[in-house]
Amino acid sequence: MNTTENAIDNRLEALTNLSQGDFKAFLYDCDGTLADNMGAHRDTYVHIASKAGLTIDGDMIDELAGWPVVNVVEEINKRYNSTFDPVAFAQERQQLFFDEYIEKTLPIDFVVNHLKAHAGKVKIGVVSGGQRASVEKTLNLLVIRHLADVLVCANETPRGKPFPDPFLAAAEKLGVAPQDCLVFEDGDPGVQSAEAAGMKWIRIDKV
């Protein structure tokens, strides 16, 4: 077994230990948690903004990971005094990601393996700030779509992360009480959403 495989196994073991408990559902974020594609998402924002002559800081996109795209664009407008139409920007960004970036998606192996190991033992939800078409395709590329009992994606709840709505919607669809759900996330907005929903959480990037 090589060093990379050892590291994956060690992180999987750590994640498995952290997720022990009487949980009835595991709720996973998609981008940056199951899928190694945050760099691609960041690049699409930077690319579209640059077409309009605006250079944005990619770190801002990482900071807002998990927010619905429309809300990220609204924040870009606030910080840069720009006038992007959030809906039009979101549509263009979605198409660019879908056409040019999504096929490059790689799994975050220890989290994907954790999901696979627990499918059928607890209910599985994927709760994402991404559009359903991208989330579906991403999960299919990772060969785990069939293991998710429910998806909650952008614009499918009144408010997105960091509000509790997406995780509460997933719990309701699964028929599981919020306190019986464990959330797997990689960013502050997702953690804030989970906490607001009354759910325990694990930051996979800290494992």
C-alpha atoms as a PDB file:
ATOM      1  CA  MET A   1       0.000   0.000   0.000  1.00  0.00           C
ATOM      2  CA  ASN A   2       1.457   3.368  -1.000  1.00  0.00           C
ATOM      3  CA  THR A   3       1.555   6.554   1.051  1.00  0.00           C
ATOM      4  CA  THR A   4      -1.545   8.041  -0.603  1.00  0.00           C
ATOM      5  CA  GLU A   5      -3.588   4.916   0.062  1.00  0.00           C
ATOM      6  CA  ASN A   6      -2.400   4.910   3.683  1.00  0.00           C
ATOM      7  CA  ALA A   7      -3.476   8.528   4.088  1.00  0.00           C
ATOM      8  CA  ILE A   8      -6.923   7.809   2.619  1.00  0.00           C
ATOM      9  CA  ASP A   9      -7.363   4.795   4.905  1.00  0.00           C
ATOM     10  CA  ASN A  10      -6.250   6.793   7.953  1.00  0.00           C
ATOM     11  CA  ARG A  11      -8.662   9.634   7.198  1.00  0.00           C
ATOM     12  CA  LEU A  12     -11.496   7.164   6.532  1.00  0.00           C
ATOM     13  CA  GLU A  13     -10.848   5.493   9.880  1.00  0.00           C
ATOM     14  CA  ALA A  14     -10.795   8.881  11.614  1.00  0.00           C
ATOM     15  CA  LEU A  15     -14.023   9.936   9.899  1.00  0.00           C
ATOM     16  CA  THR A  16     -15.679   6.647  10.798  1.00  0.00           C
ATOM     17  CA  ASN A  17     -14.697   7.090  14.446  1.00  0.00           C
ATOM     18  CA  LEU A  18     -15.965  10.683  14.507  1.00  0.00           C
ATOM     19  CA  SER A  19     -19.314   9.637  13.039  1.00  0.00           C
ATOM     20  CA  GLN A  20     -20.096   6.995  15.638  1.00  0.00           C
ATOM     21  CA  GLY A  21     -23.446   7.409  17.349  1.00  0.00           C
ATOM     22  CA  ASP A  22     -27.142   6.679  17.071  1.00  0.00           C
ATOM     23  CA  PHE A  23     -27.597   8.687  13.893  1.00  0.00           C
ATOM     24  CA  LYS A  24     -30.364   7.750  11.477  1.00  0.00           C
ATOM     25  CA  ALA A  25     -29.181   9.879   8.545  1.00  0.00           C
ATOM     26  CA  PHE A  26     -25.897  11.170   7.151  1.00  0.00           C
ATOM     27  CA  LEU A  27     -26.171  14.378   5.116  1.00  0.00           C
ATOM     28  CA  TYR A  28     -23.223  15.172   2.848  1.00  0.00           C
ATOM     29  CA  ASP A  29     -22.391  18.397   1.078  1.00  0.00           C
ATOM     30  CA  CYS A  30     -21.303  17.746  -2.518  1.00  0.00           C
ATOM     31  CA  ASP A  31     -18.694  20.187  -3.845  1.00  0.00           C
ATOM     32  CA  GLY A  32     -15.557  20.156  -1.714  1.00  0.00           C
ATOM     33  CA  THR A  33     -16.890  17.365   0.496  1.00  0.00           C
ATOM     34  CA  LEU A  34     -17.620  14.428  -1.806  1.00  0.00           C
ATOM     35  CA  ALA A  35     -16.205  15.997  -4.968  1.00  0.00           C
ATOM     36  CA  ASP A  36     -12.755  17.510  -5.405  1.00  0.00           C
ATOM     37  CA  ASN A  37     -13.906  20.360  -7.634  1.00  0.00           C
ATOM     38  CA  MET A  38     -13.775  23.589  -5.632  1.00  0.00           C
ATOM     39  CA  GLY A  39     -10.878  24.868  -7.724  1.00  0.00           C
ATOM     40  CA  ALA A  40     -12.984  24.412 -10.846  1.00  0.00           C
ATOM     41  CA  HIS A  41     -15.921  26.239  -9.299  1.00  0.00           C
ATOM     42  CA  ARG A  42     -13.641  29.099  -8.248  1.00  0.00           C
ATOM     43  CA  ASP A  43     -12.207  29.335 -11.765  1.00  0.00           C
ATOM     44  CA  THR A  44     -15.657  29.679 -13.343  1.00  0.00           C
ATOM     45  CA  TYR A  45     -16.482  32.726 -11.217  1.00  0.00           C
ATOM     46  CA  VAL A  46     -13.116  34.319 -11.967  1.00  0.00           C
ATOM     47  CA  HIS A  47     -13.499  33.568 -15.700  1.00  0.00           C
ATOM     48  CA  ILE A  48     -16.964  35.104 -16.059  1.00  0.00           C
ATOM     49  CA  ALA A  49     -16.060  38.185 -14.015  1.00  0.00           C
ATOM     50  CA  SER A  50     -12.896  38.701 -16.084  1.00  0.00           C
ATOM     51  CA  LYS A  51     -14.962  38.730 -19.301  1.00  0.00           C
ATOM     52  CA  ALA A  52     -16.611  41.844 -17.894  1.00  0.00           C
ATOM     53  CA  GLY A  53     -13.231  43.364 -17.014  1.00  0.00           C
ATOM     54  CA  LEU A  54     -13.399  42.600 -13.291  1.00  0.00           C
ATOM     55  CA  THR A  55     -10.655  40.721 -11.463  1.00  0.00           C
ATOM     56  CA  ILE A  56     -12.038  39.022  -8.370  1.00  0.00           C
ATOM     57  CA  ASP A  57     -10.177  37.297  -5.559  1.00  0.00           C
ATOM     58  CA  GLY A  58     -10.711  33.534  -5.800  1.00  0.00           C
ATOM     59  CA  ASP A  59     -10.325  33.249  -2.016  1.00  0.00           C
ATOM     60  CA  MET A  60     -13.673  34.989  -1.708  1.00  0.00           C
ATOM     61  CA  ILE A  61     -15.328  32.093  -3.531  1.00  0.00           C
ATOM     62  CA  ASP A  62     -13.749  29.628  -1.098  1.00  0.00           C
ATOM     63  CA  GLU A  63     -14.957  31.751   1.816  1.00  0.00           C
ATOM     64  CA  LEU A  64     -18.550  31.562   0.545  1.00  0.00           C
ATOM     65  CA  ALA A  65     -18.433  27.864  -0.364  1.00  0.00           C
ATOM     66  CA  GLY A  66     -21.893  26.391  -0.025  1.00  0.00           C
ATOM     67  CA  TRP A  67     -23.817  29.584  -0.712  1.00  0.00           C
ATOM     68  CA  PRO A  68     -26.249  29.516  -3.652  1.00  0.00           C
ATOM     69  CA  VAL A  69     -24.548  31.033  -6.699  1.00  0.00           C
ATOM     70  CA  VAL A  70     -27.036  33.912  -6.917  1.00  0.00           C
ATOM     71  CA  ASN A  71     -26.135  34.938  -3.364  1.00  0.00           C
ATOM     72  CA  VAL A  72     -22.400  34.707  -4.135  1.00  0.00           C
ATOM     73  CA  VAL A  73     -22.890  37.041  -7.106  1.00  0.00           C
ATOM     74  CA  GLU A  74     -24.846  39.460  -4.922  1.00  0.00           C
ATOM     75  CA  GLU A  75     -21.897  39.465  -2.520  1.00  0.00           C
ATOM     76  CA  ILE A  76     -19.475  40.058  -5.415  1.00  0.00           C
ATOM     77  CA  ASN A  77     -21.565  43.094  -6.389  1.00  0.00           C
ATOM     78  CA  LYS A  78     -21.394  44.410  -2.813  1.00  0.00           C
ATOM     79  CA  ARG A  79     -17.643  43.965  -2.435  1.00  0.00           C
ATOM     80  CA  TYR A  80     -16.617  45.126  -5.885  1.00  0.00           C
ATOM     81  CA  ASN A  81     -19.378  47.651  -6.562  1.00  0.00           C
ATOM     82  CA  SER A  82     -20.203  45.660  -9.691  1.00  0.00           C
ATOM     83  CA  THR A  83     -23.606  45.323 -11.353  1.00  0.00           C
ATOM     84  CA  PHE A  84     -23.804  41.682 -12.450  1.00  0.00           C
ATOM     85  CA  ASP A  85     -27.299  40.280 -12.892  1.00  0.00           C
ATOM     86  CA  PRO A  86     -27.108  37.468 -10.318  1.00  0.00           C
ATOM     87  CA  VAL A  87     -29.481  35.157 -12.184  1.00  0.00           C
ATOM     88  CA  ALA A  88     -27.797  35.643 -15.566  1.00  0.00           C
ATOM     89  CA  PHE A  89     -24.324  35.233 -14.006  1.00  0.00           C
ATOM     90  CA  ALA A  90     -25.451  32.053 -12.237  1.00  0.00           C
ATOM     91  CA  GLN A  91     -26.830  30.609 -15.484  1.00  0.00           C
ATOM     92  CA  GLU A  92     -23.642  31.391 -17.413  1.00  0.00           C
ATOM     93  CA  ARG A  93     -21.455  30.009 -14.632  1.00  0.00           C
ATOM     94  CA  GLN A  94     -23.518  26.834 -14.438  1.00  0.00           C
ATOM     95  CA  GLN A  95     -23.238  26.288 -18.195  1.00  0.00           C
ATOM     96  CA  LEU A  96     -19.476  26.932 -18.202  1.00  0.00           C
ATOM     97  CA  PHE A  97     -18.923  24.493 -15.340  1.00  0.00           C
ATOM     98  CA  PHE A  98     -21.170  21.880 -16.928  1.00  0.00           C
ATOM     99  CA  ASP A  99     -19.563  22.209 -20.387  1.00  0.00           C
ATOM    100  CA  GLU A 100     -15.878  22.605 -19.563  1.00  0.00           C
ATOM    101  CA  TYR A 101     -15.117  21.600 -15.975  1.00  0.00           C
ATOM    102  CA  ILE A 102     -17.403  18.944 -14.551  1.00  0.00           C
ATOM    103  CA  GLU A 103     -15.804  15.985 -16.335  1.00  0.00           C
ATOM    104  CA  LYS A 104     -12.566  16.740 -14.451  1.00  0.00           C
ATOM    105  CA  THR A 105     -14.275  16.028 -11.111  1.00  0.00           C
ATOM    106  CA  LEU A 106     -12.376  13.667  -8.818  1.00  0.00           C
ATOM    107  CA  PRO A 107     -13.639  12.005  -5.643  1.00  0.00           C
ATOM    108  CA  ILE A 108     -12.531  13.007  -2.174  1.00  0.00           C
ATOM    109  CA  ASP A 109     -11.885   9.351  -1.616  1.00  0.00           C
ATOM    110  CA  PHE A 110     -12.167   8.974   2.139  1.00  0.00           C
ATOM    111  CA  VAL A 111     -15.534  10.779   2.227  1.00  0.00           C
ATOM    112  CA  VAL A 112     -16.918   8.897  -0.791  1.00  0.00           C
ATOM    113  CA  ASN A 113     -15.771   5.637   0.803  1.00  0.00           C
ATOM    114  CA  HIS A 114     -17.443   6.658   4.064  1.00  0.00           C
ATOM    115  CA  LEU A 115     -20.733   7.232   2.249  1.00  0.00           C
ATOM    116  CA  LYS A 116     -20.459   3.888   0.450  1.00  0.00           C
ATOM    117  CA  ALA A 117     -19.745   2.072   3.717  1.00  0.00           C
ATOM    118  CA  HIS A 118     -22.840   3.505   5.402  1.00  0.00           C
ATOM    119  CA  ALA A 119     -25.376   3.389   2.570  1.00  0.00           C
ATOM    120  CA  GLY A 120     -28.120   0.979   3.581  1.00  0.00           C
ATOM    121  CA  LYS A 121     -27.208   1.304   7.265  1.00  0.00           C
ATOM    122  CA  VAL A 122     -28.403   4.893   7.650  1.00  0.00           C
ATOM    123  CA  LYS A 123     -30.345   7.117   5.285  1.00  0.00           C
ATOM    124  CA  ILE A 124     -28.174   9.155   2.947  1.00  0.00           C
ATOM    125  CA  GLY A 125     -28.813  12.708   1.783  1.00  0.00           C
ATOM    126  CA  VAL A 126     -26.763  15.067  -0.375  1.00  0.00           C
ATOM    127  CA  VAL A 127     -27.398  18.742   0.406  1.00  0.00           C
ATOM    128  CA  SER A 128     -25.742  21.161  -2.003  1.00  0.00           C
ATOM    129  CA  GLY A 129     -25.772  24.817  -2.974  1.00  0.00           C
ATOM    130  CA  GLY A 130     -25.244  23.683  -6.576  1.00  0.00           C
ATOM    131  CA  GLN A 131     -27.832  23.298  -9.303  1.00  0.00           C
ATOM    132  CA  ARG A 132     -29.504  19.880  -9.417  1.00  0.00           C
ATOM    133  CA  ALA A 133     -28.216  19.087 -12.928  1.00  0.00           C
ATOM    134  CA  SER A 134     -24.600  19.594 -11.825  1.00  0.00           C
ATOM    135  CA  VAL A 135     -25.065  17.745  -8.547  1.00  0.00           C
ATOM    136  CA  GLU A 136     -26.702  14.791 -10.311  1.00  0.00           C
ATOM    137  CA  LYS A 137     -23.931  14.626 -12.913  1.00  0.00           C
ATOM    138  CA  THR A 138     -21.220  14.961 -10.258  1.00  0.00           C
ATOM    139  CA  LEU A 139     -22.658  12.125  -8.188  1.00  0.00           C
ATOM    140  CA  ASN A 140     -22.974   9.987 -11.318  1.00  0.00           C
ATOM    141  CA  LEU A 141     -19.320  10.658 -12.163  1.00  0.00           C
ATOM    142  CA  LEU A 142     -18.428   9.545  -8.629  1.00  0.00           C
ATOM    143  CA  VAL A 143     -20.709   6.485  -9.081  1.00  0.00           C
ATOM    144  CA  ILE A 144     -22.670   7.204  -5.909  1.00  0.00           C
ATOM    145  CA  ARG A 145     -25.884   8.810  -7.163  1.00  0.00           C
ATOM    146  CA  HIS A 146     -27.788   5.560  -6.626  1.00  0.00           C
ATOM    147  CA  LEU A 147     -26.760   5.536  -2.959  1.00  0.00           C
ATOM    148  CA  ALA A 148     -28.363   8.890  -2.096  1.00  0.00           C
ATOM    149  CA  ASP A 149     -31.920   8.595  -0.805  1.00  0.00           C
ATOM    150  CA  VAL A 150     -32.577  12.304  -1.299  1.00  0.00           C
ATOM    151  CA  LEU A 151     -30.978  15.385  -2.866  1.00  0.00           C
ATOM    152  CA  VAL A 152     -31.620  18.987  -1.871  1.00  0.00           C
ATOM    153  CA  CYS A 153     -30.072  21.484  -4.280  1.00  0.00           C
ATOM    154  CA  ALA A 154     -30.005  25.212  -5.050  1.00  0.00           C
ATOM    155  CA  ASN A 155     -33.347  27.038  -5.232  1.00  0.00           C
ATOM    156  CA  GLU A 156     -35.242  24.065  -3.814  1.00  0.00           C
ATOM    157  CA  THR A 157     -35.743  25.705  -0.414  1.00  0.00           C
ATOM    158  CA  PRO A 158     -36.794  29.276   0.481  1.00  0.00           C
ATOM    159  CA  ARG A 159     -33.250  30.043   1.647  1.00  0.00           C
ATOM    160  CA  GLY A 160     -29.929  28.334   1.055  1.00  0.00           C
ATOM    161  CA  LYS A 161     -26.926  27.823   3.306  1.00  0.00           C
ATOM    162  CA  PRO A 162     -25.994  29.330   5.783  1.00  0.00           C
ATOM    163  CA  PHE A 163     -29.699  29.186   6.709  1.00  0.00           C
ATOM    164  CA  PRO A 164     -31.050  25.877   8.045  1.00  0.00           C
ATOM    165  CA  ASP A 165     -33.607  25.340   5.277  1.00  0.00           C
ATOM    166  CA  PRO A 166     -31.662  22.885   3.056  1.00  0.00           C
ATOM    167  CA  PHE A 167     -30.738  20.496   5.865  1.00  0.00           C
ATOM    168  CA  LEU A 168     -34.185  20.697   7.428  1.00  0.00           C
ATOM    169  CA  ALA A 169     -35.727  19.902   4.037  1.00  0.00           C
ATOM    170  CA  ALA A 170     -33.477  16.848   3.659  1.00  0.00           C
ATOM    171  CA  ALA A 171     -34.389  15.611   7.139  1.00  0.00           C
ATOM    172  CA  GLU A 172     -38.090  16.058   6.411  1.00  0.00           C
ATOM    173  CA  LYS A 173     -37.835  14.209   3.087  1.00  0.00           C
ATOM    174  CA  LEU A 174     -36.001  11.363   4.823  1.00  0.00           C
ATOM    175  CA  GLY A 175     -38.465  11.266   7.712  1.00  0.00           C
ATOM    176  CA  VAL A 176     -35.664  11.751  10.250  1.00  0.00           C
ATOM    177  CA  ALA A 177     -35.600  14.228  13.136  1.00  0.00           C
ATOM    178  CA  PRO A 178     -32.895  16.919  12.793  1.00  0.00           C
ATOM    179  CA  GLN A 179     -31.134  15.791  15.970  1.00  0.00           C
ATOM    180  CA  ASP A 180     -30.751  12.308  14.449  1.00  0.00           C
ATOM    181  CA  CYS A 181     -28.856  13.652  11.412  1.00  0.00           C
ATOM    182  CA  LEU A 182     -25.090  14.094  11.087  1.00  0.00           C
ATOM    183  CA  VAL A 183     -23.774  16.582   8.532  1.00  0.00           C
ATOM    184  CA  PHE A 184     -20.494  16.361   6.588  1.00  0.00           C
ATOM    185  CA  GLU A 185     -19.243  19.723   5.336  1.00  0.00           C
ATOM    186  CA  ASP A 186     -16.113  21.557   4.209  1.00  0.00           C
ATOM    187  CA  GLY A 187     -17.029  25.206   4.752  1.00  0.00           C
ATOM    188  CA  ASP A 188     -18.340  27.691   7.294  1.00  0.00           C
ATOM    189  CA  PRO A 189     -21.688  28.393   5.570  1.00  0.00           C
ATOM    190  CA  GLY A 190     -22.526  24.682   5.606  1.00  0.00           C
ATOM    191  CA  VAL A 191     -21.569  24.333   9.256  1.00  0.00           C
ATOM    192  CA  GLN A 192     -23.667  27.385  10.138  1.00  0.00           C
ATOM    193  CA  SER A 193     -26.588  25.835   8.245  1.00  0.00           C
ATOM    194  CA  ALA A 194     -26.216  22.524  10.092  1.00  0.00           C
ATOM    195  CA  GLU A 195     -25.989  24.225  13.486  1.00  0.00           C
ATOM    196  CA  ALA A 196     -29.045  26.356  12.735  1.00  0.00           C
ATOM    197  CA  ALA A 197     -30.897  23.146  11.843  1.00  0.00           C
ATOM    198  CA  GLY A 198     -29.996  21.607  15.196  1.00  0.00           C
ATOM    199  CA  MET A 199     -27.693  18.992  13.684  1.00  0.00           C
ATOM    200  CA  LYS A 200     -24.242  17.779  14.669  1.00  0.00           C
ATOM    201  CA  TRP A 201     -21.578  18.177  12.009  1.00  0.00           C
ATOM    202  CA  ILE A 202     -18.056  17.194  10.940  1.00  0.00           C
ATOM    203  CA  ARG A 203     -15.692  19.401   8.931  1.00  0.00           C
ATOM    204  CA  ILE A 204     -14.098  16.896   6.561  1.00  0.00           C
ATOM    205  CA  ASP A 205     -11.237  19.283   5.757  1.00  0.00           C
ATOM    206  CA  LYS A 206     -10.251  19.151   9.453  1.00  0.00           C
ATOM    207  CA  VAL A 207     -10.106  15.327   9.615  1.00  0.00           C
END
